[in-house]
Amino acid sequence: QVQLVESGGGLVQTGGSLRLSCAASGRSLGGYIMAWFRQAPGQERDFVAAINWSGGGSNYADSVKGRFTISGDNTKNTVYLQMNSLKPEDTAVYYCAARIGPTYYFSQTRQYNDWGQGTQVTVSS
């Protein structure tokens, strides 16, 4: 099991940028798939992006392709979500999630074992 702590959320205007961080502890992330999900009020938790921690490949939801970038820093055991060109519909609580392999194409919440507490992102129009 890995412990995850998100940070970096906040209030930003439409078109702005934010970078979310997810610090992992408890074990090495070798072999892990790290992902970001988001949940807007009254809606289900949706997949945003995932990365293969060892191989570096990534996968994105269509709604964020070209605007968001997921990356990782092995030295800090931290995964990031760089969010550019933000829109009001990106407003949500963003959650970091982790699972042990094998693919970053897993996009369902039930496919991830470990979760952070979430960080709020609000995009004003």
N, C-alpha and C. Protein backbone atom coordinates (compact mmCIF):
# COMPACT_ATOMS: atom_id res chain seq x y z
N GLN A 1 0.84 -1.19 0.00
CA GLN A 1 0.00 0.00 0.00
C GLN A 1 0.88 1.24 0.00
N VAL A 2 0.43 2.26 -0.71
CA VAL A 2 1.16 3.51 -0.79
C VAL A 2 0.25 4.63 -0.30
N GLN A 3 0.84 5.56 0.44
CA GLN A 3 0.09 6.72 0.93
C GLN A 3 0.28 7.88 -0.03
N LEU A 4 -0.80 8.58 -0.32
CA LEU A 4 -0.78 9.64 -1.32
C LEU A 4 -1.33 10.93 -0.72
N VAL A 5 -0.63 12.04 -0.96
CA VAL A 5 -1.07 13.34 -0.47
C VAL A 5 -1.00 14.35 -1.61
N GLU A 6 -2.16 14.89 -1.98
CA GLU A 6 -2.24 15.87 -3.06
C GLU A 6 -2.06 17.29 -2.52
N SER A 7 -1.61 18.16 -3.39
CA SER A 7 -1.51 19.58 -3.08
C SER A 7 -1.50 20.36 -4.39
N GLY A 8 -1.66 21.68 -4.27
CA GLY A 8 -1.55 22.53 -5.44
C GLY A 8 -2.86 23.05 -5.99
N GLY A 9 -3.97 22.62 -5.43
CA GLY A 9 -5.25 23.12 -5.91
C GLY A 9 -5.46 24.57 -5.53
N GLY A 10 -6.52 25.17 -6.09
CA GLY A 10 -6.82 26.55 -5.78
C GLY A 10 -7.83 27.13 -6.73
N LEU A 11 -7.93 28.45 -6.70
CA LEU A 11 -8.85 29.20 -7.55
C LEU A 11 -8.06 29.86 -8.67
N VAL A 12 -8.53 29.69 -9.90
CA VAL A 12 -7.84 30.26 -11.06
C VAL A 12 -8.88 30.72 -12.06
N GLN A 13 -8.53 31.72 -12.86
CA GLN A 13 -9.45 32.20 -13.87
C GLN A 13 -9.40 31.33 -15.12
N THR A 14 -10.44 31.41 -15.90
CA THR A 14 -10.48 30.69 -17.18
C THR A 14 -9.25 31.05 -18.02
N GLY A 15 -8.62 30.01 -18.56
CA GLY A 15 -7.42 30.19 -19.35
C GLY A 15 -6.14 30.10 -18.56
N GLY A 16 -6.26 30.05 -17.24
CA GLY A 16 -5.09 29.99 -16.39
C GLY A 16 -4.53 28.59 -16.25
N SER A 17 -3.50 28.47 -15.40
CA SER A 17 -2.80 27.21 -15.21
C SER A 17 -2.64 26.90 -13.73
N LEU A 18 -2.56 25.61 -13.43
CA LEU A 18 -2.24 25.12 -12.10
C LEU A 18 -1.41 23.86 -12.25
N ARG A 19 -0.58 23.59 -11.26
CA ARG A 19 0.14 22.32 -11.22
C ARG A 19 -0.19 21.63 -9.91
N LEU A 20 -0.78 20.46 -10.02
CA LEU A 20 -1.08 19.63 -8.86
C LEU A 20 0.08 18.68 -8.60
N SER A 21 0.30 18.40 -7.32
CA SER A 21 1.33 17.45 -6.92
C SER A 21 0.71 16.34 -6.10
N CYS A 22 1.30 15.17 -6.20
CA CYS A 22 0.86 14.02 -5.41
C CYS A 22 2.11 13.35 -4.87
N ALA A 23 2.35 13.53 -3.58
CA ALA A 23 3.52 12.94 -2.94
C ALA A 23 3.17 11.55 -2.44
N ALA A 24 3.97 10.57 -2.83
CA ALA A 24 3.74 9.18 -2.45
C ALA A 24 4.75 8.74 -1.41
N SER A 25 4.29 7.92 -0.47
CA SER A 25 5.19 7.39 0.56
C SER A 25 4.75 5.98 0.92
N GLY A 26 5.63 5.27 1.55
CA GLY A 26 5.31 3.93 2.02
C GLY A 26 6.00 2.83 1.25
N ARG A 27 6.31 3.11 0.00
CA ARG A 27 7.04 2.14 -0.79
C ARG A 27 7.50 2.79 -2.09
N SER A 28 8.40 2.11 -2.76
CA SER A 28 8.86 2.59 -4.06
C SER A 28 7.73 2.46 -5.08
N LEU A 29 7.71 3.38 -6.03
CA LEU A 29 6.65 3.37 -7.04
C LEU A 29 7.01 2.55 -8.28
N GLY A 30 8.13 1.86 -8.24
CA GLY A 30 8.49 1.01 -9.36
C GLY A 30 7.40 -0.01 -9.65
N GLY A 31 6.94 -0.05 -10.92
CA GLY A 31 5.89 -0.98 -11.28
C GLY A 31 4.49 -0.45 -11.08
N TYR A 32 4.38 0.76 -10.56
CA TYR A 32 3.06 1.34 -10.29
C TYR A 32 2.54 2.11 -11.50
N ILE A 33 1.22 2.17 -11.58
CA ILE A 33 0.52 3.09 -12.44
C ILE A 33 -0.04 4.20 -11.54
N MET A 34 0.30 5.43 -11.85
CA MET A 34 -0.18 6.57 -11.08
C MET A 34 -1.20 7.34 -11.93
N ALA A 35 -2.28 7.77 -11.30
CA ALA A 35 -3.36 8.39 -12.07
C ALA A 35 -3.94 9.58 -11.33
N TRP A 36 -4.61 10.41 -12.10
CA TRP A 36 -5.43 11.49 -11.56
C TRP A 36 -6.87 11.28 -12.00
N PHE A 37 -7.77 11.47 -11.05
CA PHE A 37 -9.20 11.48 -11.30
C PHE A 37 -9.76 12.80 -10.79
N ARG A 38 -10.98 13.11 -11.18
CA ARG A 38 -11.63 14.31 -10.65
C ARG A 38 -13.11 14.06 -10.45
N GLN A 39 -13.67 14.79 -9.49
CA GLN A 39 -15.09 14.62 -9.17
C GLN A 39 -15.71 15.99 -8.94
N ALA A 40 -16.66 16.33 -9.80
CA ALA A 40 -17.42 17.57 -9.65
C ALA A 40 -18.62 17.30 -8.75
N PRO A 41 -19.18 18.34 -8.13
CA PRO A 41 -20.32 18.14 -7.23
C PRO A 41 -21.47 17.42 -7.91
N GLY A 42 -21.96 16.38 -7.27
CA GLY A 42 -23.09 15.63 -7.79
C GLY A 42 -22.79 14.70 -8.94
N GLN A 43 -21.51 14.56 -9.27
CA GLN A 43 -21.13 13.72 -10.40
C GLN A 43 -20.21 12.59 -9.95
N GLU A 44 -20.03 11.63 -10.84
CA GLU A 44 -19.14 10.52 -10.55
C GLU A 44 -17.68 10.96 -10.66
N ARG A 45 -16.82 10.17 -10.08
CA ARG A 45 -15.39 10.42 -10.17
C ARG A 45 -14.89 9.93 -11.53
N ASP A 46 -14.30 10.83 -12.29
CA ASP A 46 -13.90 10.54 -13.66
C ASP A 46 -12.38 10.50 -13.82
N PHE A 47 -11.96 9.67 -14.73
CA PHE A 47 -10.54 9.55 -15.07
C PHE A 47 -10.05 10.81 -15.78
N VAL A 48 -8.83 11.22 -15.43
CA VAL A 48 -8.20 12.37 -16.08
C VAL A 48 -6.95 11.94 -16.85
N ALA A 49 -6.02 11.30 -16.15
CA ALA A 49 -4.76 10.90 -16.78
C ALA A 49 -4.08 9.84 -15.95
N ALA A 50 -3.21 9.07 -16.61
CA ALA A 50 -2.44 8.04 -15.91
C ALA A 50 -1.06 7.93 -16.54
N ILE A 51 -0.10 7.48 -15.73
CA ILE A 51 1.27 7.32 -16.21
C ILE A 51 1.86 6.04 -15.65
N ASN A 52 2.65 5.37 -16.48
CA ASN A 52 3.41 4.21 -16.06
C ASN A 52 4.67 4.73 -15.40
N TRP A 53 4.79 4.54 -14.10
CA TRP A 53 5.90 5.15 -13.36
C TRP A 53 7.25 4.66 -13.86
N SER A 54 7.32 3.41 -14.26
CA SER A 54 8.59 2.85 -14.70
C SER A 54 8.87 3.13 -16.16
N GLY A 55 7.85 2.98 -17.01
CA GLY A 55 8.06 3.11 -18.44
C GLY A 55 7.84 4.50 -18.98
N GLY A 56 7.04 5.30 -18.25
CA GLY A 56 6.82 6.67 -18.67
C GLY A 56 5.71 6.90 -19.65
N GLY A 57 5.06 5.87 -20.17
CA GLY A 57 3.94 6.08 -21.07
C GLY A 57 2.77 6.66 -20.31
N SER A 58 1.87 7.34 -21.04
CA SER A 58 0.75 7.99 -20.38
C SER A 58 -0.52 7.90 -21.22
N ASN A 59 -1.62 8.19 -20.57
CA ASN A 59 -2.94 8.12 -21.19
C ASN A 59 -3.78 9.26 -20.63
N TYR A 60 -4.63 9.87 -21.48
CA TYR A 60 -5.43 11.01 -21.07
C TYR A 60 -6.88 10.85 -21.47
N ALA A 61 -7.75 11.44 -20.66
CA ALA A 61 -9.14 11.56 -21.07
C ALA A 61 -9.22 12.54 -22.24
N ASP A 62 -10.17 12.31 -23.13
CA ASP A 62 -10.30 13.18 -24.31
C ASP A 62 -10.51 14.64 -23.91
N SER A 63 -11.19 14.85 -22.80
CA SER A 63 -11.55 16.21 -22.39
C SER A 63 -10.34 17.04 -21.97
N VAL A 64 -9.22 16.40 -21.69
CA VAL A 64 -8.05 17.15 -21.23
C VAL A 64 -6.84 17.02 -22.16
N LYS A 65 -6.95 16.22 -23.19
CA LYS A 65 -5.83 16.03 -24.12
C LYS A 65 -5.39 17.37 -24.71
N GLY A 66 -4.09 17.59 -24.72
CA GLY A 66 -3.55 18.83 -25.27
C GLY A 66 -3.51 19.97 -24.26
N ARG A 67 -4.17 19.81 -23.11
CA ARG A 67 -4.18 20.86 -22.09
C ARG A 67 -3.48 20.42 -20.80
N PHE A 68 -3.62 19.16 -20.45
CA PHE A 68 -3.05 18.63 -19.22
C PHE A 68 -1.88 17.71 -19.53
N THR A 69 -0.90 17.69 -18.62
CA THR A 69 0.24 16.80 -18.77
C THR A 69 0.54 16.14 -17.43
N ILE A 70 0.62 14.81 -17.44
CA ILE A 70 0.98 14.07 -16.24
C ILE A 70 2.46 13.70 -16.34
N SER A 71 3.16 13.81 -15.20
CA SER A 71 4.59 13.50 -15.18
C SER A 71 4.97 13.04 -13.78
N GLY A 72 6.17 12.50 -13.66
CA GLY A 72 6.63 12.02 -12.37
C GLY A 72 8.07 12.38 -12.12
N ASP A 73 8.43 12.52 -10.85
CA ASP A 73 9.80 12.80 -10.43
C ASP A 73 10.23 11.67 -9.50
N ASN A 74 11.11 10.81 -10.00
CA ASN A 74 11.57 9.67 -9.21
C ASN A 74 12.30 10.10 -7.95
N THR A 75 13.03 11.19 -8.02
CA THR A 75 13.83 11.62 -6.87
C THR A 75 12.95 12.10 -5.72
N LYS A 76 11.74 12.55 -6.05
CA LYS A 76 10.83 13.06 -5.03
C LYS A 76 9.65 12.14 -4.79
N ASN A 77 9.57 11.04 -5.55
CA ASN A 77 8.43 10.12 -5.43
C ASN A 77 7.11 10.89 -5.55
N THR A 78 7.07 11.78 -6.51
CA THR A 78 5.93 12.67 -6.67
C THR A 78 5.45 12.66 -8.11
N VAL A 79 4.14 12.62 -8.27
CA VAL A 79 3.53 12.71 -9.60
C VAL A 79 2.84 14.07 -9.71
N TYR A 80 2.89 14.65 -10.90
CA TYR A 80 2.36 15.98 -11.12
C TYR A 80 1.27 15.95 -12.19
N LEU A 81 0.40 16.94 -12.12
CA LEU A 81 -0.57 17.17 -13.18
C LEU A 81 -0.51 18.66 -13.52
N GLN A 82 0.11 18.95 -14.66
CA GLN A 82 0.17 20.33 -15.14
C GLN A 82 -1.09 20.61 -15.93
N MET A 83 -1.84 21.60 -15.51
CA MET A 83 -3.12 21.91 -16.14
C MET A 83 -3.06 23.31 -16.74
N ASN A 84 -3.18 23.37 -18.06
CA ASN A 84 -3.16 24.64 -18.78
C ASN A 84 -4.50 24.89 -19.45
N SER A 85 -4.70 26.13 -19.87
CA SER A 85 -5.94 26.51 -20.57
C SER A 85 -7.17 26.01 -19.82
N LEU A 86 -7.21 26.27 -18.54
CA LEU A 86 -8.29 25.75 -17.70
C LEU A 86 -9.63 26.36 -18.06
N LYS A 87 -10.66 25.54 -17.92
CA LYS A 87 -12.03 25.93 -18.23
C LYS A 87 -12.90 25.76 -16.98
N PRO A 88 -14.02 26.45 -16.91
CA PRO A 88 -14.91 26.27 -15.75
C PRO A 88 -15.33 24.82 -15.54
N GLU A 89 -15.47 24.07 -16.63
CA GLU A 89 -15.86 22.66 -16.49
C GLU A 89 -14.75 21.78 -15.92
N ASP A 90 -13.56 22.33 -15.74
CA ASP A 90 -12.49 21.59 -15.05
C ASP A 90 -12.62 21.69 -13.54
N THR A 91 -13.55 22.49 -13.06
CA THR A 91 -13.76 22.64 -11.62
C THR A 91 -14.18 21.31 -11.01
N ALA A 92 -13.42 20.87 -9.99
CA ALA A 92 -13.67 19.58 -9.36
C ALA A 92 -12.67 19.39 -8.22
N VAL A 93 -12.92 18.35 -7.44
CA VAL A 93 -11.90 17.85 -6.52
C VAL A 93 -11.06 16.85 -7.30
N TYR A 94 -9.76 17.04 -7.29
CA TYR A 94 -8.84 16.18 -8.03
C TYR A 94 -8.17 15.20 -7.06
N TYR A 95 -8.21 13.93 -7.44
CA TYR A 95 -7.68 12.86 -6.61
C TYR A 95 -6.52 12.16 -7.32
N CYS A 96 -5.51 11.83 -6.54
CA CYS A 96 -4.41 11.00 -7.01
C CYS A 96 -4.72 9.55 -6.65
N ALA A 97 -4.35 8.63 -7.53
CA ALA A 97 -4.63 7.21 -7.29
C ALA A 97 -3.46 6.37 -7.77
N ALA A 98 -3.35 5.16 -7.22
CA ALA A 98 -2.24 4.29 -7.58
C ALA A 98 -2.68 2.83 -7.62
N ARG A 99 -2.03 2.09 -8.49
CA ARG A 99 -2.23 0.65 -8.55
C ARG A 99 -0.93 0.03 -9.06
N ILE A 100 -0.75 -1.25 -8.81
CA ILE A 100 0.41 -1.95 -9.36
C ILE A 100 0.06 -2.42 -10.75
N GLY A 101 0.80 -2.00 -11.75
CA GLY A 101 0.67 -2.32 -13.15
C GLY A 101 -0.63 -2.93 -13.59
N PRO A 102 -0.76 -3.47 -14.82
CA PRO A 102 0.33 -3.43 -15.80
C PRO A 102 0.22 -2.33 -16.84
N THR A 103 -0.93 -1.58 -16.82
CA THR A 103 -1.13 -0.67 -17.94
C THR A 103 -1.72 0.65 -17.48
N TYR A 104 -1.34 1.72 -18.16
CA TYR A 104 -1.92 3.02 -17.85
C TYR A 104 -3.25 3.24 -18.55
N TYR A 105 -3.78 2.22 -19.18
CA TYR A 105 -5.10 2.33 -19.81
C TYR A 105 -6.24 2.05 -18.85
N PHE A 106 -5.93 1.64 -17.62
CA PHE A 106 -6.98 1.49 -16.62
C PHE A 106 -7.55 2.86 -16.29
N SER A 107 -8.86 3.02 -16.41
CA SER A 107 -9.47 4.33 -16.21
C SER A 107 -10.70 4.30 -15.32
N GLN A 108 -10.91 3.19 -14.64
CA GLN A 108 -12.05 3.07 -13.75
C GLN A 108 -11.57 3.19 -12.30
N THR A 109 -12.39 3.83 -11.46
CA THR A 109 -11.99 4.01 -10.07
C THR A 109 -11.77 2.67 -9.38
N ARG A 110 -12.57 1.66 -9.73
CA ARG A 110 -12.46 0.36 -9.05
C ARG A 110 -11.15 -0.35 -9.39
N GLN A 111 -10.45 0.14 -10.40
CA GLN A 111 -9.20 -0.48 -10.81
C GLN A 111 -7.98 0.07 -10.04
N TYR A 112 -8.20 1.03 -9.17
CA TYR A 112 -7.12 1.62 -8.39
C TYR A 112 -7.33 1.33 -6.91
N ASN A 113 -6.22 1.04 -6.23
CA ASN A 113 -6.29 0.56 -4.86
C ASN A 113 -6.06 1.66 -3.82
N ASP A 114 -5.17 2.58 -4.14
CA ASP A 114 -4.77 3.59 -3.17
C ASP A 114 -5.18 4.97 -3.67
N TRP A 115 -5.68 5.79 -2.72
CA TRP A 115 -6.21 7.11 -3.07
C TRP A 115 -5.73 8.17 -2.09
N GLY A 116 -5.57 9.38 -2.62
CA GLY A 116 -5.31 10.52 -1.76
C GLY A 116 -6.61 11.13 -1.29
N GLN A 117 -6.50 12.22 -0.53
CA GLN A 117 -7.68 12.85 0.07
C GLN A 117 -8.32 13.88 -0.86
N GLY A 118 -7.62 14.27 -1.91
CA GLY A 118 -8.17 15.19 -2.90
C GLY A 118 -7.76 16.63 -2.66
N THR A 119 -7.76 17.40 -3.74
CA THR A 119 -7.47 18.83 -3.67
C THR A 119 -8.44 19.56 -4.60
N GLN A 120 -9.01 20.65 -4.12
CA GLN A 120 -10.04 21.37 -4.86
C GLN A 120 -9.43 22.28 -5.91
N VAL A 121 -9.96 22.20 -7.12
CA VAL A 121 -9.61 23.12 -8.20
C VAL A 121 -10.88 23.84 -8.62
N THR A 122 -10.85 25.15 -8.60
CA THR A 122 -11.99 25.95 -9.01
C THR A 122 -11.55 26.92 -10.11
N VAL A 123 -12.25 26.86 -11.24
CA VAL A 123 -11.94 27.72 -12.37
C VAL A 123 -13.10 28.70 -12.54
N SER A 124 -12.82 29.97 -12.38
CA SER A 124 -13.87 30.98 -12.48
C SER A 124 -13.99 31.49 -13.92
N SER A 125 -15.23 31.82 -14.29
CA SER A 125 -15.47 32.29 -15.67
C SER A 125 -15.34 33.80 -15.76
